[in-house]
Protein backbone atom coordinates (compact mmCIF):
# COMPACT_ATOMS: atom_id res chain seq x y z
CA MET A 1 9.75 -0.25 -23.06
CA ALA A 2 12.44 -1.07 -25.38
CA GLU A 3 11.14 0.61 -28.95
CA GLN A 4 10.59 -1.67 -31.73
CA GLY A 5 13.18 -2.53 -33.80
CA GLN A 6 16.29 -1.56 -31.35
CA GLU A 7 19.15 -3.20 -29.88
CA LYS A 8 19.85 -3.25 -26.61
CA THR A 9 23.70 -1.96 -27.08
CA GLU A 10 24.12 0.65 -23.86
CA GLN A 11 25.05 -0.63 -20.55
CA PRO A 12 22.62 -0.40 -17.87
CA THR A 13 22.46 2.65 -16.35
CA GLN A 14 22.67 2.74 -12.15
CA ARG A 15 19.40 3.86 -11.95
CA LYS A 16 17.93 1.30 -14.20
CA LEU A 17 19.53 -1.51 -11.68
CA ASP A 18 18.55 -0.08 -8.79
CA GLU A 19 15.17 -0.10 -10.15
CA GLY A 20 15.59 -3.23 -10.91
CA ARG A 21 16.74 -4.03 -7.29
CA GLN A 22 13.56 -2.64 -5.91
CA GLU A 23 11.55 -5.11 -8.57
CA GLY A 24 13.92 -7.96 -6.88
CA GLN A 25 15.95 -8.67 -10.26
CA VAL A 26 19.72 -9.00 -9.18
CA ALA A 27 22.08 -11.28 -10.37
CA LYS A 28 21.79 -13.95 -7.76
CA SER A 29 22.70 -17.79 -8.10
CA ASN A 30 21.47 -20.41 -6.67
CA GLU A 31 24.24 -22.89 -7.04
CA ILE A 32 25.71 -20.53 -4.80
CA VAL A 33 23.43 -20.72 -2.23
CA SER A 34 23.06 -25.12 -2.44
CA PHE A 35 26.47 -24.57 -2.22
CA ALA A 36 27.10 -23.22 0.27
CA VAL A 37 24.24 -25.10 2.50
CA PHE A 38 25.95 -28.16 1.17
CA THR A 39 29.32 -27.65 2.75
CA SER A 40 28.05 -25.78 5.77
CA GLY A 41 25.69 -28.90 6.71
CA LEU A 42 28.66 -30.97 6.00
CA PHE A 43 30.95 -29.53 8.35
CA THR A 44 28.65 -28.54 11.04
CA ILE A 45 28.17 -31.85 10.98
CA ILE A 46 32.01 -32.92 11.40
CA ILE A 47 32.07 -30.12 13.89
CA PHE A 48 29.52 -31.16 16.12
CA LYS A 49 29.42 -35.30 15.65
CA ASP A 50 30.90 -36.03 19.44
CA TYR A 51 28.15 -34.11 20.47
CA ILE A 52 25.36 -35.46 18.27
CA GLY A 53 26.52 -39.02 18.31
CA SER A 54 26.68 -38.60 22.59
CA ASN A 55 23.19 -37.50 22.29
CA ILE A 56 22.16 -40.25 19.97
CA ALA A 57 24.14 -42.70 22.18
CA GLU A 58 22.40 -41.59 25.25
CA LEU A 59 18.36 -41.75 23.72
CA THR A 60 19.45 -44.77 23.04
CA THR A 61 20.64 -46.11 25.94
CA ASN A 62 17.74 -45.02 27.75
CA ILE A 63 14.90 -46.31 25.21
CA PHE A 64 17.00 -49.89 24.97
CA ASN A 65 17.39 -49.79 29.55
CA SER A 66 13.65 -48.68 29.88
CA LEU A 67 12.24 -51.83 27.79
CA GLY A 68 12.00 -54.46 30.26
CA THR A 69 10.17 -51.91 32.62
CA LEU A 70 8.09 -49.52 29.79
CA GLN A 71 4.68 -50.67 30.00
CA LEU A 72 2.55 -48.56 27.39
CA ASN A 73 -0.09 -46.21 27.80
CA VAL A 74 -1.40 -42.49 27.14
CA ASN A 75 1.22 -40.62 29.64
CA ILE A 76 4.46 -42.35 28.53
CA ILE A 77 3.59 -42.19 24.99
CA GLN A 78 3.42 -38.84 25.23
CA MET A 79 6.72 -38.59 27.77
CA TYR A 80 8.54 -40.10 25.15
CA PHE A 81 7.34 -37.97 22.48
CA ILE A 82 8.14 -34.84 24.39
CA LYS A 83 11.14 -36.36 24.70
CA SER A 84 11.71 -37.41 21.54
CA ALA A 85 11.53 -33.95 19.58
CA ILE A 86 13.43 -32.51 22.68
CA PHE A 87 16.82 -34.71 21.55
CA LEU A 88 15.46 -33.69 17.73
CA LEU A 89 15.32 -30.57 18.41
CA ALA A 90 18.54 -29.65 20.81
CA THR A 91 20.84 -32.63 18.36
CA ILE A 92 20.08 -30.81 15.21
CA MET A 93 20.05 -27.12 16.45
CA PRO A 94 23.81 -27.09 15.48
CA VAL A 95 23.43 -28.03 12.20
CA LEU A 96 19.98 -25.98 11.36
CA LEU A 97 22.01 -22.42 12.53
CA GLY A 98 24.78 -23.67 10.98
CA ILE A 99 22.85 -23.51 7.76
CA LEU A 100 20.67 -20.76 8.54
CA VAL A 101 23.79 -18.41 8.89
CA ILE A 102 26.04 -19.68 6.05
CA SER A 103 22.97 -19.25 3.47
CA LEU A 104 22.33 -15.71 4.61
CA SER A 105 25.32 -14.46 4.44
CA ALA A 106 26.13 -16.71 0.41
CA ASN A 107 22.84 -14.54 -0.59
CA ILE A 108 23.85 -11.24 0.66
CA GLY A 109 27.46 -11.97 -0.02
CA GLN A 110 26.29 -11.90 -3.55
CA ILE A 111 23.27 -9.06 -3.61
CA GLY A 112 24.60 -7.32 -0.85
CA LEU A 113 21.61 -6.61 2.35
CA ARG A 114 19.05 -4.42 1.30
CA ILE A 115 14.86 -5.27 1.96
CA SER A 116 12.71 -4.36 -0.72
CA PRO A 117 9.54 -4.13 -0.07
CA LYS A 118 8.53 -3.80 -3.25
CA ALA A 119 9.61 -6.97 -4.08
CA LEU A 120 7.82 -9.00 -1.03
CA ALA A 121 4.93 -7.33 -2.17
CA PRO A 122 2.48 -9.71 -3.11
CA LYS A 123 1.59 -9.79 -6.65
CA MET A 124 -1.98 -11.06 -8.28
CA ASN A 125 -1.18 -12.40 -11.59
CA LYS A 126 1.70 -14.27 -9.32
CA PHE A 127 -1.37 -16.42 -7.80
CA ASN A 128 -3.21 -16.42 -11.86
CA PRO A 129 -3.23 -20.96 -12.59
CA ILE A 130 -2.14 -20.21 -16.24
CA SER A 131 -0.06 -18.03 -15.84
CA GLY A 132 1.92 -20.11 -13.38
CA ILE A 133 1.50 -23.28 -15.77
CA LYS A 134 2.82 -21.10 -18.60
CA ARG A 135 5.75 -20.11 -16.13
CA LEU A 136 6.55 -23.21 -14.77
CA PHE A 137 6.43 -25.28 -17.94
CA PHE A 138 6.09 -22.97 -21.19
CA SER A 139 9.21 -20.05 -20.29
CA SER A 140 13.01 -19.85 -21.51
CA HIS A 141 13.74 -19.76 -17.95
CA SER A 142 12.20 -22.92 -16.67
CA PHE A 143 13.76 -24.51 -20.04
CA VAL A 144 17.36 -23.06 -19.27
CA GLU A 145 16.64 -24.26 -15.45
CA LEU A 146 15.51 -27.88 -16.47
CA LEU A 147 18.54 -28.14 -18.78
CA LYS A 148 21.05 -26.59 -16.28
CA SER A 149 19.57 -29.42 -13.34
CA LEU A 150 19.88 -31.71 -15.74
CA SER A 151 23.71 -31.47 -16.54
CA LYS A 152 24.26 -30.65 -13.56
CA LEU A 153 22.72 -34.22 -11.59
CA ILE A 154 24.46 -35.64 -15.28
CA ILE A 155 28.02 -34.12 -13.28
CA VAL A 156 27.29 -34.97 -10.07
CA GLY A 157 26.22 -38.36 -10.59
CA GLY A 158 28.82 -39.30 -13.26
CA PHE A 159 31.39 -37.97 -10.74
CA THR A 160 29.62 -39.96 -7.22
CA TYR A 161 29.62 -43.15 -9.55
CA TYR A 162 33.43 -42.97 -10.54
CA VAL A 163 34.72 -42.08 -6.99
CA LEU A 164 32.27 -44.60 -5.37
CA ASP A 165 33.90 -47.63 -7.74
CA ASP A 166 37.08 -46.28 -6.39
CA LEU A 167 35.91 -46.60 -2.98
CA ILE A 168 34.47 -49.60 -3.76
CA SER A 169 37.35 -50.80 -4.40
CA GLN A 170 39.39 -49.79 -1.94
CA SER A 171 37.49 -51.66 0.45
CA LEU A 172 37.75 -54.88 -0.34
CA GLY A 173 40.67 -55.48 1.43
CA LEU A 174 38.95 -54.45 4.33
CA SER A 175 38.22 -58.40 5.84
CA ASP A 176 41.17 -58.88 7.43
CA PHE A 177 40.53 -55.42 9.55
CA THR A 178 38.72 -55.56 13.55
CA VAL A 179 34.79 -53.65 13.55
CA ASN A 180 36.63 -50.80 14.30
CA GLU A 181 38.91 -50.62 11.42
CA ILE A 182 36.46 -51.05 9.22
CA THR A 183 34.18 -48.18 10.87
CA SER A 184 36.95 -45.46 10.98
CA LYS A 185 38.21 -46.76 7.00
CA MET A 186 34.10 -45.91 5.71
CA VAL A 187 34.01 -43.10 7.81
CA ASP A 188 37.01 -41.87 5.60
CA TYR A 189 35.42 -42.72 2.68
CA GLY A 190 32.40 -40.92 3.41
CA LEU A 191 34.17 -37.77 4.15
CA THR A 192 36.68 -38.79 1.18
CA LEU A 193 33.17 -39.07 -1.26
CA VAL A 194 31.36 -35.74 0.16
CA ILE A 195 34.53 -33.31 0.31
CA LYS A 196 35.03 -34.10 -3.45
CA VAL A 197 31.10 -34.17 -4.37
CA ALA A 198 31.44 -30.73 -2.64
CA ILE A 199 34.42 -29.46 -5.36
CA VAL A 200 32.41 -30.43 -7.76
CA PHE A 201 29.28 -28.89 -6.76
CA ALA A 202 31.64 -25.55 -5.38
CA MET A 203 32.82 -25.50 -9.58
CA LEU A 204 29.30 -25.92 -11.03
CA ALA A 205 28.40 -22.66 -8.31
CA VAL A 206 31.00 -20.94 -9.77
CA ALA A 207 29.99 -21.28 -12.81
CA ASP A 208 25.93 -20.66 -12.49
CA PHE A 209 27.34 -17.43 -10.87
CA ILE A 210 29.37 -16.27 -14.00
CA PHE A 211 26.31 -17.23 -16.45
CA GLN A 212 24.11 -15.54 -14.00
CA LYS A 213 26.30 -12.18 -14.07
CA LYS A 214 26.09 -12.10 -17.57
CA LYS A 215 22.62 -13.27 -18.23
CA PHE A 216 21.76 -10.25 -15.91
CA THR A 217 23.42 -8.32 -17.62
CA LYS A 218 22.53 -8.81 -20.95
CA GLU A 219 18.76 -8.15 -19.58
CA MET A 220 19.08 -5.21 -18.29
CA MET A 221 21.08 -3.98 -20.91
CA MET A 222 19.26 -0.76 -22.36
CA THR A 223 18.77 0.67 -25.98
CA LYS A 224 20.04 4.41 -26.87
CA GLN A 225 16.62 5.83 -26.90
CA GLU A 226 16.04 4.99 -22.79
CA VAL A 227 19.18 5.89 -21.98
CA LYS A 228 18.64 9.42 -23.96
CA GLU A 229 14.84 8.74 -21.83
CA GLU A 230 16.30 8.55 -18.21
CA SER A 231 18.66 11.12 -18.57
CA ARG A 232 16.15 13.40 -20.11
CA GLN A 233 13.97 12.48 -16.88
CA THR A 234 16.57 12.06 -14.23
CA ASP A 235 18.00 15.88 -15.71
CA GLY A 236 15.45 17.29 -17.49
CA ASP A 237 14.81 18.29 -21.05
CA PRO A 238 17.54 19.67 -22.66
CA LEU A 239 15.58 22.43 -24.67
CA VAL A 240 14.54 23.61 -21.10
CA LYS A 241 18.03 23.17 -19.43
CA GLY A 242 18.99 25.38 -22.37
CA LYS A 243 16.37 28.36 -21.58
CA ILE A 244 17.02 27.87 -17.81
CA ARG A 245 21.13 28.06 -18.41
CA SER A 246 20.40 31.61 -21.30
CA ILE A 247 17.97 32.92 -18.59
CA GLN A 248 20.39 32.40 -15.63
CA TYR A 249 22.81 34.20 -18.15
CA GLN A 250 21.33 37.32 -18.49
CA MET A 251 20.08 37.72 -15.47
CA ALA A 252 24.11 37.55 -13.88
CA ARG A 253 24.81 39.68 -17.40
CA ARG A 254 22.41 41.90 -15.78
CA ARG A 255 24.10 42.18 -12.56
CA MET A 256 26.94 42.11 -13.75
CA MET A 257 25.98 45.80 -15.37
CA GLN A 258 24.63 46.92 -12.40
CA ASP A 259 27.85 47.08 -10.27
CA VAL A 260 30.21 48.47 -12.92
CA PRO A 261 29.26 52.20 -11.91
CA LYS A 262 30.69 50.93 -8.90
CA ALA A 263 34.03 50.52 -9.98
CA ASP A 264 36.59 51.72 -9.46
CA VAL A 265 38.24 51.44 -12.83
CA VAL A 266 38.15 49.49 -16.17
CA ILE A 267 40.83 48.30 -17.84
CA THR A 268 40.82 47.22 -21.99
CA ASN A 269 42.45 45.96 -24.23
CA PRO A 270 40.96 48.72 -25.76
CA THR A 271 38.17 46.84 -28.09
CA HIS A 272 38.17 43.28 -27.31
CA TYR A 273 38.11 43.29 -23.74
CA ALA A 274 36.49 45.13 -20.67
CA ILE A 275 37.35 44.08 -16.66
CA ALA A 276 35.71 46.18 -14.17
CA LEU A 277 37.99 46.63 -10.87
CA LYS A 278 37.07 47.73 -7.60
CA TYR A 279 39.40 47.95 -4.16
CA GLU A 280 37.99 49.60 -0.76
CA VAL A 281 41.25 50.16 1.00
CA GLY A 282 41.56 47.74 5.18
CA LYS A 283 38.55 46.39 3.88
CA ASP A 284 39.47 44.07 0.49
CA SER A 285 43.24 41.66 0.36
CA ALA A 286 42.95 42.71 -3.28
CA PRO A 287 41.33 44.20 -5.83
CA LYS A 288 38.11 42.67 -7.61
CA VAL A 289 36.74 42.27 -10.58
CA LEU A 290 32.82 43.22 -10.24
CA ALA A 291 32.56 42.68 -14.39
CA LYS A 292 34.37 41.48 -17.77
CA GLY A 293 32.91 41.28 -20.87
CA VAL A 294 34.36 40.45 -24.59
CA ASP A 295 33.27 41.92 -28.06
CA GLU A 296 29.74 43.68 -27.65
CA VAL A 297 29.54 42.85 -23.84
CA ALA A 298 33.30 44.93 -23.31
CA GLN A 299 31.76 48.10 -25.47
CA ARG A 300 28.83 47.79 -23.03
CA ILE A 301 30.52 47.69 -19.90
CA LYS A 302 33.02 51.05 -21.21
CA LYS A 303 29.91 52.65 -22.27
CA ILE A 304 28.17 52.51 -18.48
CA ALA A 305 31.38 52.96 -17.42
CA THR A 306 31.62 56.39 -18.75
CA GLU A 307 27.97 57.20 -18.03
CA HIS A 308 28.69 57.19 -14.72
CA ASN A 309 32.36 58.70 -14.95
CA VAL A 310 34.35 55.11 -13.84
CA PRO A 311 38.04 56.25 -15.76
CA LEU A 312 38.87 53.83 -18.61
CA TYR A 313 42.43 52.65 -18.49
CA GLU A 314 43.65 50.91 -21.58
CA ASP A 315 46.43 47.79 -20.85
CA ARG A 316 46.59 45.68 -23.60
CA GLN A 317 48.06 42.53 -21.99
CA LEU A 318 46.71 43.20 -18.20
CA ALA A 319 42.95 43.04 -19.50
CA ARG A 320 43.65 40.17 -21.92
CA ALA A 321 45.34 38.35 -18.48
CA LEU A 322 42.41 39.46 -16.30
CA TYR A 323 39.47 38.29 -18.11
CA LYS A 324 41.41 34.56 -18.66
CA LEU A 325 42.62 34.27 -15.32
CA VAL A 326 39.57 36.26 -12.88
CA ASP A 327 36.28 35.73 -12.87
CA VAL A 328 33.28 37.98 -12.05
CA GLY A 329 33.36 38.37 -7.81
CA GLU A 330 36.29 36.81 -7.44
CA PHE A 331 40.25 38.62 -6.44
CA ILE A 332 43.36 38.98 -8.71
CA PRO A 333 45.72 36.62 -8.06
CA GLU A 334 49.37 37.79 -6.62
CA LYS A 335 50.94 38.12 -9.73
CA LEU A 336 48.76 40.95 -11.06
CA PHE A 337 48.83 42.66 -7.98
CA GLN A 338 51.88 45.23 -8.66
CA ALA A 339 50.75 45.72 -12.47
CA VAL A 340 46.70 46.62 -11.01
CA ALA A 341 48.26 48.22 -8.07
CA LYS A 342 50.44 50.70 -9.81
CA ILE A 343 46.97 51.44 -11.81
CA LEU A 344 45.03 51.77 -9.06
CA ALA A 345 47.64 54.27 -7.72
CA TYR A 346 47.44 57.04 -10.49
CA ILE A 347 43.71 56.70 -10.41
CA PHE A 348 42.78 57.59 -6.99
CA ASN A 349 45.69 60.21 -7.61
CA LEU A 350 43.82 61.27 -10.07
CA LYS A 351 40.33 61.62 -8.05
CA LYS A 352 42.37 63.34 -5.17
CA THR A 353 43.78 66.48 -8.20
CA LYS A 354 40.11 66.61 -9.33
CA LYS A 355 38.35 66.67 -5.88
CA LYS A 356 41.76 69.54 -4.68
CA SER A 357 40.79 71.22 -8.09
CA ILE A 358 37.00 71.26 -7.78
CA VAL A 359 37.70 72.90 -3.94
C-alpha cells in the first residue's frame, strides 16, 4: 500500500504487473470481446447461411407434410422434441463454435494465454451482499461503466436510426419489384445495416481498449517508496549488500595475498603500483597475474614478496598498463608479451646464476 501523502509517479515494475496478473488485474476491454462476438456471429451466419437455410427448410417441410396425418400423443411429442433439439444443435453449432473461438482469441490477444489459479479462486468477500451492492451501485467503477454503456447506447442507437432512416427511404421504391427482388434487396439492406453498425462498434471497442490501457497503467502506478521497498525485497537491503560486498572483497584480497609468494616477479611503479606475475613454462599460454594493488595494497604485496624472496622489478609504464588491462587470475594480453618476456627471462637467468653460485 502506498504511503499516505505520496503520489504515484513511478511506472509499475514488472514484478507489480506480474503480481497484478496473478490477482486477475489486467488491461482488458470488454468492448473488444463484445465486438468480436458480434462480428464473428455475423460472419459465421453469412458463411453458413446456405447450410442453416437448408436445415430450416427441411424441418419446415417435414412439419407441414405431416400435418394431415399427425396424431398427437406423448411419444409423438417426445419424438418431435428430440428432433427439434437435434435440429437446433446442428443448426446453431457452427455459429456457437465460431463465437467461442473468436471470443477466446479476443481475450488471449489482449492479455496473452496464462491461467492464474489465484484469480480463479473464490473470494468470500464477493459473497457478501452488502459489499456486492456497494460495488454495483456506489462504486466509481460502476458509475464509469454505466456512463460508458449509456454513451454506447446513444451512439449506436443514433447511428442505427440514421442508417435505417436512409434505408427506409430507399425501400419506398421497391413497390415495382418482384417478391424475389424485394427479398434480395431487404437482405442487402440488412447486411448494410449490420456492417455499418459493426464499424461503429469497432471504433468504440478501440477507444475503450485505449482507455482501459491508460486506466490500468494509472491504477498500477507506484510511489517512490513502493519502488524502493520492492527493490529492497528483490535485491536485498543495500546496507546488507554493502556488507556482503565488503566481506567478499576482503576474502578475495586475502586469497590474493596468499598467492604472492608463488609469483616469479613483482613489477612495481615503484611506489604506487605492484603486480605479481607467474609463468609456468610448458603449462601456461602466457604469464598470469596472481595479485595486483595500488598504494597501500601495493606496499603490502611488495612486503610479502620481499619476505618470500620474490624479485621486485621496477617498470613504471608496464606496471600501470598491467594494472589497468589485466584482472587478478587473468593472462596478460598479447601486446604486453614482449615487455614481460624480457623481464621473466632476466629473472629466470638471475635465479639460475644464484643456483650455480650456491652449488
